[in-house]
């Protein structure tokens, strides 16, 4: 199908989970967080772009490890007809843009328009956003690769800067020809750009005809063009889920779209965007919250005394502060961050230290989401682990076995259908069952309400990688849920 003005939103949903630690983790990066409202940044982005062209669902490019988080958040947001391109590993935004353009050209034709954007940005003004997108569509139809420019408010060294040609508006559109593109300048040069007044921040969103972008990519980065195409052609497809070929994908150059294409092309145009854009690059994003007492911005269970100009986020426990000013405090169930507001960018250094120490706090929360529900660690000690498990109605875990642990299950809510060896039976509320070491077993929720149970694991090893799957409803291979190491011990 070829439609010149069909706009296909492509959401880049990768990420390492470092900048908003401890709330974001490697297995649950910031785009999946609900920071200001009930919806996550990813859901907000999907809902925002759904209004651009209702004729087509979004394409999501994300890590294979986040497959089920993406699917669940799309389901919660009632976003249908989405396609998922799953990356075996992160290869930056140039390969992501390339494979998205190949996919859209294959599905909808080379004249279909790709609207490529990060899934972790915030936009306040939907109407202004839609007007800017319409101008970008007009320019893209003429053959331009369009970016969205944000008027800079400070000399930020982490953004790319675009200079527009004076008076070079493209016809009747609100787009301008771009004179130069500079990625991540020095602080002095960034200050100079602001003083000149003719530079914009690169907003991390691009809009182009798929065929036009691919032609430029083939000219500028032929290897990425070919390898991304190969990764798509050799992908494993299951409905709307496309697992890119690992070998071809790994051979794509790890490069940003800014360096690979935008700095080199002579077909770049810019549409100014004044819609309350924020890239949510640090915990200072919480400045968007209204003040709770005229000075501090808080979310969750927070109590302050003689404290001013703080940003405080509590996930559950009470956070009390006395005589503290100009700080960011973020509480989660297993970690607390305390930092001066002008040092929050250094949170990456803490994450790096955690990884070097092989601490699981860099990788995942205690609550881990799965396609069937979630589990969370309640207690962990030598030769035992206690978990809370929640299974959604109608869902079931894989048929599996463990070599090093036995399991005791106590149902506290709902009804469980349990398979243990050759037997299948029902376990109701306030009842329990025992799964001996080495037995094949499966847990199902046949009911209409969530199934919740307490699982007590006992044995010489209780890591998630002690698992053999015999059958699975979600297409996971053996050890798909395995962490890189045994979980760190926590006090009971």
Protein backbone atom coordinates (compact mmCIF):
# COMPACT_ATOMS: atom_id res chain seq x y z
CA UNK A 1 0.00 0.00 0.00
CA UNK A 2 1.41 3.41 -0.95
CA UNK A 3 -0.01 6.57 0.53
CA UNK A 4 2.04 9.75 0.20
CA UNK A 5 0.81 11.23 3.44
CA UNK A 6 0.34 8.14 5.55
CA UNK A 7 2.21 8.91 8.80
CA UNK A 8 3.56 5.90 10.70
CA UNK A 9 4.71 6.72 14.26
CA UNK A 10 7.89 4.87 15.24
CA UNK A 11 8.68 4.86 18.95
CA UNK A 12 12.27 4.18 19.98
CA UNK A 13 11.85 2.51 23.37
CA UNK A 14 15.37 1.38 24.19
CA UNK A 15 17.38 2.62 27.16
CA UNK A 16 19.87 1.63 29.84
CA UNK A 17 17.99 2.89 32.91
CA UNK A 18 20.81 5.03 34.31
CA UNK A 19 19.69 8.66 34.37
CA UNK A 20 16.65 8.22 36.63
CA UNK A 21 18.10 5.55 38.90
CA UNK A 22 16.96 4.19 41.35
CA UNK A 23 13.45 4.37 39.88
CA UNK A 24 14.73 3.34 36.45
CA UNK A 25 16.75 0.15 36.01
CA UNK A 26 18.33 -1.70 33.10
CA UNK A 27 15.31 -4.01 32.90
CA UNK A 28 12.84 -1.16 33.49
CA UNK A 29 14.20 2.09 31.95
CA UNK A 30 12.65 5.50 32.32
CA UNK A 31 10.18 5.34 29.41
CA UNK A 32 8.16 2.76 31.35
CA UNK A 33 7.91 4.93 34.48
CA UNK A 34 4.87 6.93 35.56
CA UNK A 35 6.54 10.08 36.86
CA UNK A 36 3.86 12.77 36.91
CA UNK A 37 0.54 11.04 36.23
CA UNK A 38 -0.88 7.55 35.91
CA UNK A 39 0.49 6.86 32.43
CA UNK A 40 4.13 6.12 31.70
CA UNK A 41 6.24 8.28 29.37
CA UNK A 42 6.00 5.49 26.78
CA UNK A 43 2.20 5.35 27.06
CA UNK A 44 1.94 9.15 26.84
CA UNK A 45 4.04 9.11 23.67
CA UNK A 46 1.96 6.33 22.10
CA UNK A 47 -1.31 8.09 22.93
CA UNK A 48 0.02 11.44 21.70
CA UNK A 49 1.05 10.06 18.33
CA UNK A 50 -2.14 8.02 17.91
CA UNK A 51 -3.90 11.31 17.18
CA UNK A 52 -1.58 12.12 14.27
CA UNK A 53 -2.86 9.40 11.93
CA UNK A 54 -5.55 7.04 13.18
CA UNK A 55 -5.24 4.85 10.08
CA UNK A 56 -2.16 3.02 11.33
CA UNK A 57 -0.83 1.73 14.65
CA UNK A 58 2.63 2.57 15.98
CA UNK A 59 5.85 0.69 15.35
CA UNK A 60 7.85 0.19 18.55
CA UNK A 61 11.59 -0.50 18.49
CA UNK A 62 12.75 -1.87 21.81
CA UNK A 63 14.96 -4.39 23.54
CA UNK A 64 13.94 -8.03 23.35
CA UNK A 65 14.24 -8.09 27.15
CA UNK A 66 11.46 -5.46 27.37
CA UNK A 67 9.08 -7.26 25.01
CA UNK A 68 6.43 -8.07 27.57
CA UNK A 69 6.63 -4.71 29.37
CA UNK A 70 6.04 -2.98 26.04
CA UNK A 71 3.12 -5.27 25.20
CA UNK A 72 1.51 -4.84 28.61
CA UNK A 73 1.82 -1.04 28.58
CA UNK A 74 0.32 -0.87 25.08
CA UNK A 75 -2.55 -3.07 26.28
CA UNK A 76 -3.16 -0.85 29.31
CA UNK A 77 -3.19 2.25 27.09
CA UNK A 78 -5.61 0.52 24.67
CA UNK A 79 -3.15 0.99 21.79
CA UNK A 80 -3.96 -1.61 19.14
CA UNK A 81 -2.35 -2.74 15.88
CA UNK A 82 1.16 -1.99 17.14
CA UNK A 83 4.15 -3.75 15.59
CA UNK A 84 7.21 -4.52 17.72
CA UNK A 85 10.75 -4.64 16.31
CA UNK A 86 12.86 -6.35 18.97
CA UNK A 87 16.57 -5.55 19.21
CA UNK A 88 18.84 -8.41 20.37
CA UNK A 89 21.11 -5.68 21.78
CA UNK A 90 21.27 -1.89 21.74
CA UNK A 91 22.90 -0.44 18.60
CA UNK A 92 22.00 3.27 18.93
CA UNK A 93 19.54 5.34 16.90
CA UNK A 94 20.99 5.08 13.35
CA UNK A 95 20.34 1.32 13.05
CA UNK A 96 16.97 1.80 14.76
CA UNK A 97 15.98 4.47 12.24
CA UNK A 98 17.27 2.32 9.38
CA UNK A 99 15.34 -0.82 10.28
CA UNK A 100 12.21 1.25 10.95
CA UNK A 101 12.47 2.88 7.52
CA UNK A 102 12.97 -0.53 5.86
CA UNK A 103 9.96 -1.92 7.72
CA UNK A 104 7.66 1.00 6.85
CA UNK A 105 8.77 0.96 3.20
CA UNK A 106 8.10 -2.79 3.07
CA UNK A 107 4.67 -2.57 4.75
CA UNK A 108 3.31 0.72 3.37
CA UNK A 109 5.54 1.76 0.46
CA UNK A 110 8.48 4.19 0.04
CA UNK A 111 6.23 7.26 0.12
CA UNK A 112 4.83 6.46 3.56
CA UNK A 113 6.09 8.92 6.15
CA UNK A 114 8.04 7.76 9.19
CA UNK A 115 7.63 9.81 12.36
CA UNK A 116 10.62 8.67 14.42
CA UNK A 117 10.77 9.72 18.06
CA UNK A 118 12.13 8.80 21.45
CA UNK A 119 9.52 7.19 23.69
CA UNK A 120 10.78 8.87 26.85
CA UNK A 121 10.17 12.56 26.13
CA UNK A 122 7.41 14.74 27.56
CA UNK A 123 5.16 17.17 25.64
CA UNK A 124 2.75 19.54 27.37
CA UNK A 125 0.82 21.16 24.51
CA UNK A 126 -0.83 18.56 22.25
CA UNK A 127 -2.33 21.14 19.88
CA UNK A 128 1.02 22.87 19.31
CA UNK A 129 2.63 19.47 18.82
CA UNK A 130 0.09 18.48 16.14
CA UNK A 131 0.54 21.79 14.29
CA UNK A 132 4.31 21.28 14.20
CA UNK A 133 3.88 17.72 12.94
CA UNK A 134 1.61 18.90 10.12
CA UNK A 135 4.25 21.39 8.99
CA UNK A 136 6.85 18.64 9.12
CA UNK A 137 4.62 16.36 7.00
CA UNK A 138 4.34 19.11 4.39
CA UNK A 139 8.14 19.44 4.25
CA UNK A 140 8.73 15.68 4.23
CA UNK A 141 6.33 15.28 1.31
CA UNK A 142 8.65 17.61 -0.62
CA UNK A 143 11.57 15.24 0.06
CA UNK A 144 13.15 16.76 3.18
CA UNK A 145 14.30 14.92 6.27
CA UNK A 146 12.70 16.99 9.01
CA UNK A 147 13.78 17.48 12.58
CA UNK A 148 12.04 19.43 15.34
CA UNK A 149 13.91 22.30 16.96
CA UNK A 150 13.53 23.51 20.54
CA UNK A 151 14.55 27.07 21.42
CA UNK A 152 17.42 26.63 23.93
CA UNK A 153 17.00 28.05 27.42
CA UNK A 154 20.49 27.24 28.74
CA UNK A 155 23.93 26.23 27.37
CA UNK A 156 23.27 22.48 27.41
CA UNK A 157 26.21 20.33 26.23
CA UNK A 158 24.22 17.10 26.02
CA UNK A 159 22.07 18.17 23.03
CA UNK A 160 22.67 18.65 19.34
CA UNK A 161 22.29 22.19 17.96
CA UNK A 162 20.87 23.20 14.59
CA UNK A 163 21.35 26.55 12.88
CA UNK A 164 18.65 27.60 10.43
CA UNK A 165 19.26 29.65 7.32
CA UNK A 166 17.98 33.18 7.78
CA UNK A 167 14.61 33.63 6.08
CA UNK A 168 14.90 30.25 4.33
CA UNK A 169 11.36 29.06 5.00
CA UNK A 170 10.25 26.19 2.79
CA UNK A 171 7.31 27.51 0.77
CA UNK A 172 4.18 28.01 2.82
CA UNK A 173 5.24 25.56 5.54
CA UNK A 174 6.61 26.44 8.95
CA UNK A 175 9.80 24.51 8.16
CA UNK A 176 13.22 26.06 7.58
CA UNK A 177 16.30 24.90 5.76
CA UNK A 178 19.10 23.91 8.12
CA UNK A 179 22.48 25.56 7.67
CA UNK A 180 24.50 23.40 10.08
CA UNK A 181 24.14 20.64 12.67
CA UNK A 182 26.52 20.38 15.64
CA UNK A 183 26.21 17.43 18.05
CA UNK A 184 27.08 17.98 21.75
CA UNK A 185 29.23 21.14 21.63
CA UNK A 186 31.50 22.44 24.40
CA UNK A 187 29.96 24.68 27.07
CA UNK A 188 31.56 27.80 25.55
CA UNK A 189 30.27 27.00 22.07
CA UNK A 190 26.80 26.20 23.41
CA UNK A 191 26.74 29.62 25.12
CA UNK A 192 27.76 31.22 21.84
CA UNK A 193 24.89 29.50 20.04
CA UNK A 194 22.40 30.90 22.55
CA UNK A 195 23.78 34.41 22.18
CA UNK A 196 23.53 34.23 18.38
CA UNK A 197 19.81 33.40 18.67
CA UNK A 198 19.60 31.38 15.45
CA UNK A 199 20.21 27.91 16.90
CA UNK A 200 17.78 25.27 18.14
CA UNK A 201 18.17 22.16 20.25
CA UNK A 202 17.65 18.95 18.37
CA UNK A 203 14.43 17.56 19.86
CA UNK A 204 15.22 13.92 19.05
CA UNK A 205 12.23 13.57 16.69
CA UNK A 206 12.51 13.11 12.92
CA UNK A 207 9.97 12.88 10.13
CA UNK A 208 10.71 11.68 6.58
CA UNK A 209 9.48 9.61 3.67
CA UNK A 210 10.85 6.12 4.23
CA UNK A 211 12.27 5.86 0.72
CA UNK A 212 13.92 9.28 0.92
CA UNK A 213 15.67 8.47 4.18
CA UNK A 214 16.82 5.07 2.91
CA UNK A 215 18.32 6.70 -0.18
CA UNK A 216 20.33 9.09 2.01
CA UNK A 217 21.33 6.29 4.36
CA UNK A 218 22.51 4.15 1.46
CA UNK A 219 24.64 7.06 0.22
CA UNK A 220 26.08 8.04 3.61
CA UNK A 221 26.13 4.75 5.59
CA UNK A 222 25.87 1.87 3.11
CA UNK A 223 26.91 -0.77 5.67
CA UNK A 224 24.16 0.23 8.12
CA UNK A 225 21.70 0.33 5.23
CA UNK A 226 22.54 -3.24 4.19
CA UNK A 227 22.92 -4.83 7.63
CA UNK A 228 19.69 -3.33 9.00
CA UNK A 229 17.86 -4.64 5.92
CA UNK A 230 19.41 -8.07 6.47
CA UNK A 231 18.43 -8.01 10.16
CA UNK A 232 14.81 -7.37 9.14
CA UNK A 233 14.71 -9.92 6.34
CA UNK A 234 16.17 -12.68 8.54
CA UNK A 235 14.02 -11.74 11.54
CA UNK A 236 11.85 -14.24 13.36
CA UNK A 237 8.25 -13.10 12.96
CA UNK A 238 5.40 -14.04 15.25
CA UNK A 239 2.29 -12.02 14.46
CA UNK A 240 3.14 -8.34 14.98
CA UNK A 241 6.32 -9.19 16.90
CA UNK A 242 9.54 -9.18 14.86
CA UNK A 243 12.74 -10.39 16.53
CA UNK A 244 15.61 -8.95 14.47
CA UNK A 245 18.38 -11.30 13.38
CA UNK A 246 21.10 -11.12 16.04
CA UNK A 247 24.16 -11.58 13.80
CA UNK A 248 23.18 -9.00 11.18
CA UNK A 249 22.03 -6.55 13.84
CA UNK A 250 25.31 -6.86 15.73
CA UNK A 251 27.16 -5.93 12.55
CA UNK A 252 25.31 -2.59 12.29
CA UNK A 253 27.62 0.25 13.31
CA UNK A 254 26.82 1.57 16.80
CA UNK A 255 26.09 5.15 15.73
CA UNK A 256 23.48 7.83 16.38
CA UNK A 257 21.23 9.08 13.62
CA UNK A 258 22.65 12.54 14.31
CA UNK A 259 26.23 11.61 13.45
CA UNK A 260 25.33 9.08 10.73
CA UNK A 261 22.87 11.16 8.70
CA UNK A 262 21.76 14.49 10.12
CA UNK A 263 25.21 16.12 10.24
CA UNK A 264 25.97 15.00 6.67
CA UNK A 265 22.78 15.32 4.64
CA UNK A 266 21.95 18.41 2.57
CA UNK A 267 18.24 17.58 2.73
CA UNK A 268 17.65 18.55 6.37
CA UNK A 269 14.82 20.87 7.39
CA UNK A 270 13.68 22.09 10.80
CA UNK A 271 10.28 22.84 12.24
CA UNK A 272 10.31 24.90 15.47
CA UNK A 273 8.48 23.15 18.30
CA UNK A 274 7.13 25.19 21.20
CA UNK A 275 5.01 22.61 23.02
CA UNK A 276 6.58 22.24 26.45
CA UNK A 277 9.13 19.64 25.33
CA UNK A 278 11.40 17.93 27.87
CA UNK A 279 13.77 15.03 27.29
CA UNK A 280 13.44 13.86 30.93
CA UNK A 281 17.22 13.67 31.16
CA UNK A 282 17.59 13.87 34.93
CA UNK A 283 15.68 14.01 38.19
CA UNK A 284 15.36 17.77 37.76
CA UNK A 285 12.41 16.80 35.55
CA UNK A 286 10.41 16.80 38.79
CA UNK A 287 10.49 20.60 38.63
CA UNK A 288 7.35 20.07 36.54
CA UNK A 289 5.46 19.00 39.65
CA UNK A 290 3.44 21.70 41.44
CA UNK A 291 4.91 22.77 44.76
CA UNK A 292 3.41 20.93 47.72
CA UNK A 293 4.08 23.73 50.22
CA UNK A 294 5.13 26.71 48.13
CA UNK A 295 8.75 25.58 47.98
CA UNK A 296 9.23 21.82 47.70
CA UNK A 297 7.99 19.48 44.98
CA UNK A 298 7.06 16.08 46.33
CA UNK A 299 5.35 12.89 45.26
CA UNK A 300 4.37 10.05 47.58
CA UNK A 301 4.63 9.83 51.37
CA UNK A 302 6.87 12.80 52.24
CA UNK A 303 7.14 14.89 55.43
CA UNK A 304 9.34 18.00 55.56
CA UNK A 305 10.47 20.33 58.32
CA UNK A 306 12.49 23.51 57.68
CA UNK A 307 13.41 22.23 54.22
CA UNK A 308 13.25 24.21 50.98
CA UNK A 309 13.49 23.84 47.21
CA UNK A 310 13.76 20.04 47.25
CA UNK A 311 12.55 17.42 44.76
CA UNK A 312 11.36 14.31 46.63
CA UNK A 313 9.88 11.10 45.19
CA UNK A 314 8.72 8.33 47.49
CA UNK A 315 7.67 5.00 46.01
CA UNK A 316 6.27 3.64 49.27
CA UNK A 317 8.03 4.36 52.53
CA UNK A 318 7.81 7.64 54.42
CA UNK A 319 10.60 10.07 53.53
CA UNK A 320 11.21 12.65 56.28
CA UNK A 321 13.63 15.57 55.84
CA UNK A 322 14.75 18.19 58.37
CA UNK A 323 16.84 21.23 57.50
CA UNK A 324 17.59 20.10 53.94
CA UNK A 325 17.54 22.40 50.91
CA UNK A 326 18.21 22.15 47.17
CA UNK A 327 18.36 18.36 47.12
CA UNK A 328 16.83 15.49 45.16
CA UNK A 329 15.71 12.47 47.18
CA UNK A 330 14.27 9.38 45.47
CA UNK A 331 13.11 6.35 47.49
CA UNK A 332 12.40 2.86 46.16
CA UNK A 333 11.92 -0.45 47.95
CA UNK A 334 15.62 -1.36 47.72
CA UNK A 335 17.56 1.90 47.24
CA UNK A 336 17.53 5.60 48.15
CA UNK A 337 19.19 8.36 46.13
CA UNK A 338 20.23 11.63 47.82
CA UNK A 339 21.97 14.28 45.70
CA UNK A 340 22.28 18.06 45.42
CA UNK A 341 20.13 19.28 42.55
CA UNK A 342 23.19 20.44 40.60
CA UNK A 343 24.79 16.94 40.78
CA UNK A 344 21.96 14.69 39.59
CA UNK A 345 23.70 14.02 36.28
CA UNK A 346 26.33 12.12 38.28
CA UNK A 347 23.83 9.40 39.19
CA UNK A 348 25.28 7.52 36.19
CA UNK A 349 28.50 7.11 38.16
CA UNK A 350 26.62 5.31 40.94
CA UNK A 351 25.04 2.96 38.40
CA UNK A 352 28.48 2.23 36.94
CA UNK A 353 29.80 1.37 40.42
CA UNK A 354 26.82 -0.90 41.04
CA UNK A 355 27.49 -2.76 37.80
CA UNK A 356 31.18 -3.16 38.56
CA UNK A 357 30.20 -4.60 41.93
CA UNK A 358 27.65 -6.89 40.22
CA UNK A 359 24.86 -5.43 42.36
CA UNK A 360 21.39 -6.30 41.13
CA UNK A 361 20.09 -2.82 42.06
CA UNK A 362 21.46 -1.61 38.71
CA UNK A 363 19.52 -4.20 36.74
CA UNK A 364 16.05 -4.71 38.17
CA UNK A 365 13.57 -3.87 40.87
CA UNK A 366 12.46 -6.48 43.36
CA UNK A 367 9.19 -6.57 41.43
CA UNK A 368 9.78 -8.13 38.01
CA UNK A 369 7.03 -8.05 35.39
CA UNK A 370 6.29 -11.03 33.18
CA UNK A 371 3.64 -11.57 30.47
CA UNK A 372 1.55 -13.56 32.95
CA UNK A 373 1.81 -11.00 35.81
CA UNK A 374 4.68 -10.26 38.18
CA UNK A 375 6.76 -11.59 41.04
CA UNK A 376 8.68 -9.76 43.74
CA UNK A 377 11.24 -10.89 46.27
CA UNK A 378 10.05 -10.56 49.87
CA UNK A 379 13.05 -12.14 51.58
CA UNK A 380 16.27 -13.80 50.45
CA UNK A 381 18.82 -15.66 52.50
CA UNK A 382 21.22 -18.57 52.36
CA UNK A 383 19.36 -21.56 50.83
CA UNK A 384 15.93 -19.87 50.71
CA UNK A 385 13.92 -17.17 48.96
CA UNK A 386 10.38 -15.92 49.59
CA UNK A 387 8.41 -14.41 46.70
CA UNK A 388 5.02 -12.86 46.17
CA UNK A 389 3.59 -14.02 42.83
CA UNK A 390 0.60 -12.50 41.02
CA UNK A 391 -0.91 -14.20 37.95
CA UNK A 392 -3.45 -12.42 35.75
CA UNK A 393 -6.82 -14.11 35.07
CA UNK A 394 -6.56 -16.71 32.33
CA UNK A 395 -2.75 -16.66 32.26
CA UNK A 396 -0.25 -19.38 33.08
CA UNK A 397 3.46 -19.82 33.68
CA UNK A 398 5.59 -22.14 31.56
CA UNK A 399 5.77 -25.87 32.20
CA UNK A 400 9.14 -26.04 33.91
CA UNK A 401 11.46 -27.72 36.39
CA UNK A 402 14.37 -26.77 38.69
CA UNK A 403 17.51 -28.73 39.49
CA UNK A 404 18.48 -27.06 42.77
CA UNK A 405 15.33 -25.99 44.61
CA UNK A 406 11.95 -27.15 45.84
CA UNK A 407 8.98 -24.78 46.17
CA UNK A 408 6.11 -24.37 48.64
CA UNK A 409 3.07 -22.43 47.34
CA UNK A 410 0.45 -20.82 49.59
CA UNK A 411 -2.55 -19.25 47.83
CA UNK A 412 -3.71 -16.04 49.50
CA UNK A 413 -6.14 -14.83 46.83
CA UNK A 414 -7.96 -16.43 43.93
CA UNK A 415 -7.70 -20.00 42.67
CA UNK A 416 -4.68 -21.83 41.26
CA UNK A 417 -4.62 -24.74 38.87
CA UNK A 418 -1.38 -26.62 39.60
CA UNK A 419 0.36 -29.20 37.49
CA UNK A 420 2.95 -31.25 39.39
CA UNK A 421 4.37 -34.25 37.60
CA UNK A 422 1.47 -36.23 36.15
CA UNK A 423 -1.15 -34.64 38.44
CA UNK A 424 -3.26 -31.52 37.89
CA UNK A 425 -5.36 -30.13 40.74
CA UNK A 426 -6.96 -26.97 42.19
CA UNK A 427 -5.52 -25.03 45.14
CA UNK A 428 -7.87 -22.47 46.69
CA UNK A 429 -7.39 -19.58 49.12
CA UNK A 430 -5.71 -20.56 52.41
CA UNK A 431 -4.51 -23.83 50.88
CA UNK A 432 -0.97 -24.83 49.95
CA UNK A 433 0.99 -27.34 47.90
CA UNK A 434 4.57 -28.57 47.60
CA UNK A 435 6.66 -28.86 44.42
CA UNK A 436 9.55 -31.28 45.00
CA UNK A 437 12.96 -30.62 43.49
CA UNK A 438 13.22 -31.96 39.93
CA UNK A 439 9.46 -32.23 39.30
CA UNK A 440 7.92 -30.67 36.20
CA UNK A 441 5.27 -28.16 37.24
CA UNK A 442 3.04 -25.33 36.06
CA UNK A 443 0.95 -22.63 37.73
CA UNK A 444 -2.25 -21.33 36.09
CA UNK A 445 -5.00 -18.88 37.00
CA UNK A 446 -8.29 -20.32 35.71
CA UNK A 447 -10.37 -17.72 37.55
CA UNK A 448 -11.71 -14.21 36.96
CA UNK A 449 -9.67 -12.40 39.63
CA UNK A 450 -5.87 -12.11 40.00
CA UNK A 451 -4.20 -15.10 41.63
CA UNK A 452 -1.81 -14.18 44.42
CA UNK A 453 0.38 -16.62 46.28
CA UNK A 454 3.44 -16.76 48.47
CA UNK A 455 6.22 -18.98 47.18
CA UNK A 456 8.94 -20.25 49.49
CA UNK A 457 11.95 -21.65 47.64
CA UNK A 458 14.44 -23.87 49.48
CA UNK A 459 17.63 -25.41 48.16
CA UNK A 460 21.32 -24.90 47.52
CA UNK A 461 20.67 -22.37 44.71
CA UNK A 462 17.65 -20.12 44.19
CA UNK A 463 18.72 -18.04 41.16
CA UNK A 464 16.25 -17.36 38.34
CA UNK A 465 18.52 -19.17 35.87
CA UNK A 466 17.83 -22.55 37.52
CA UNK A 467 14.97 -23.25 35.13
CA UNK A 468 14.24 -25.59 32.22
CA UNK A 469 11.13 -24.77 30.15
CA UNK A 470 9.31 -27.58 28.37
CA UNK A 471 6.50 -25.46 26.92
CA UNK A 472 5.60 -21.79 27.12
CA UNK A 473 2.62 -19.77 25.91
CA UNK A 474 4.74 -16.66 25.26
CA UNK A 475 7.45 -18.05 22.99
CA UNK A 476 10.25 -17.68 25.53
CA UNK A 477 13.30 -19.89 25.18
CA UNK A 478 14.92 -21.66 28.11
CA UNK A 479 16.41 -19.28 30.69
CA UNK A 480 14.86 -16.22 29.00
CA UNK A 481 14.21 -14.70 32.40
CA UNK A 482 17.67 -15.42 33.78
CA UNK A 483 19.63 -12.62 35.47
CA UNK A 484 23.35 -12.29 35.02
CA UNK A 485 24.08 -13.48 38.52
CA UNK A 486 22.58 -14.83 41.72
CA UNK A 487 20.55 -12.06 43.45
CA UNK A 488 22.42 -10.16 46.16
CA UNK A 489 21.46 -11.15 49.70
CA UNK A 490 19.05 -8.87 51.52
CA UNK A 491 18.33 -8.79 55.21
CA UNK A 492 15.25 -10.72 56.28
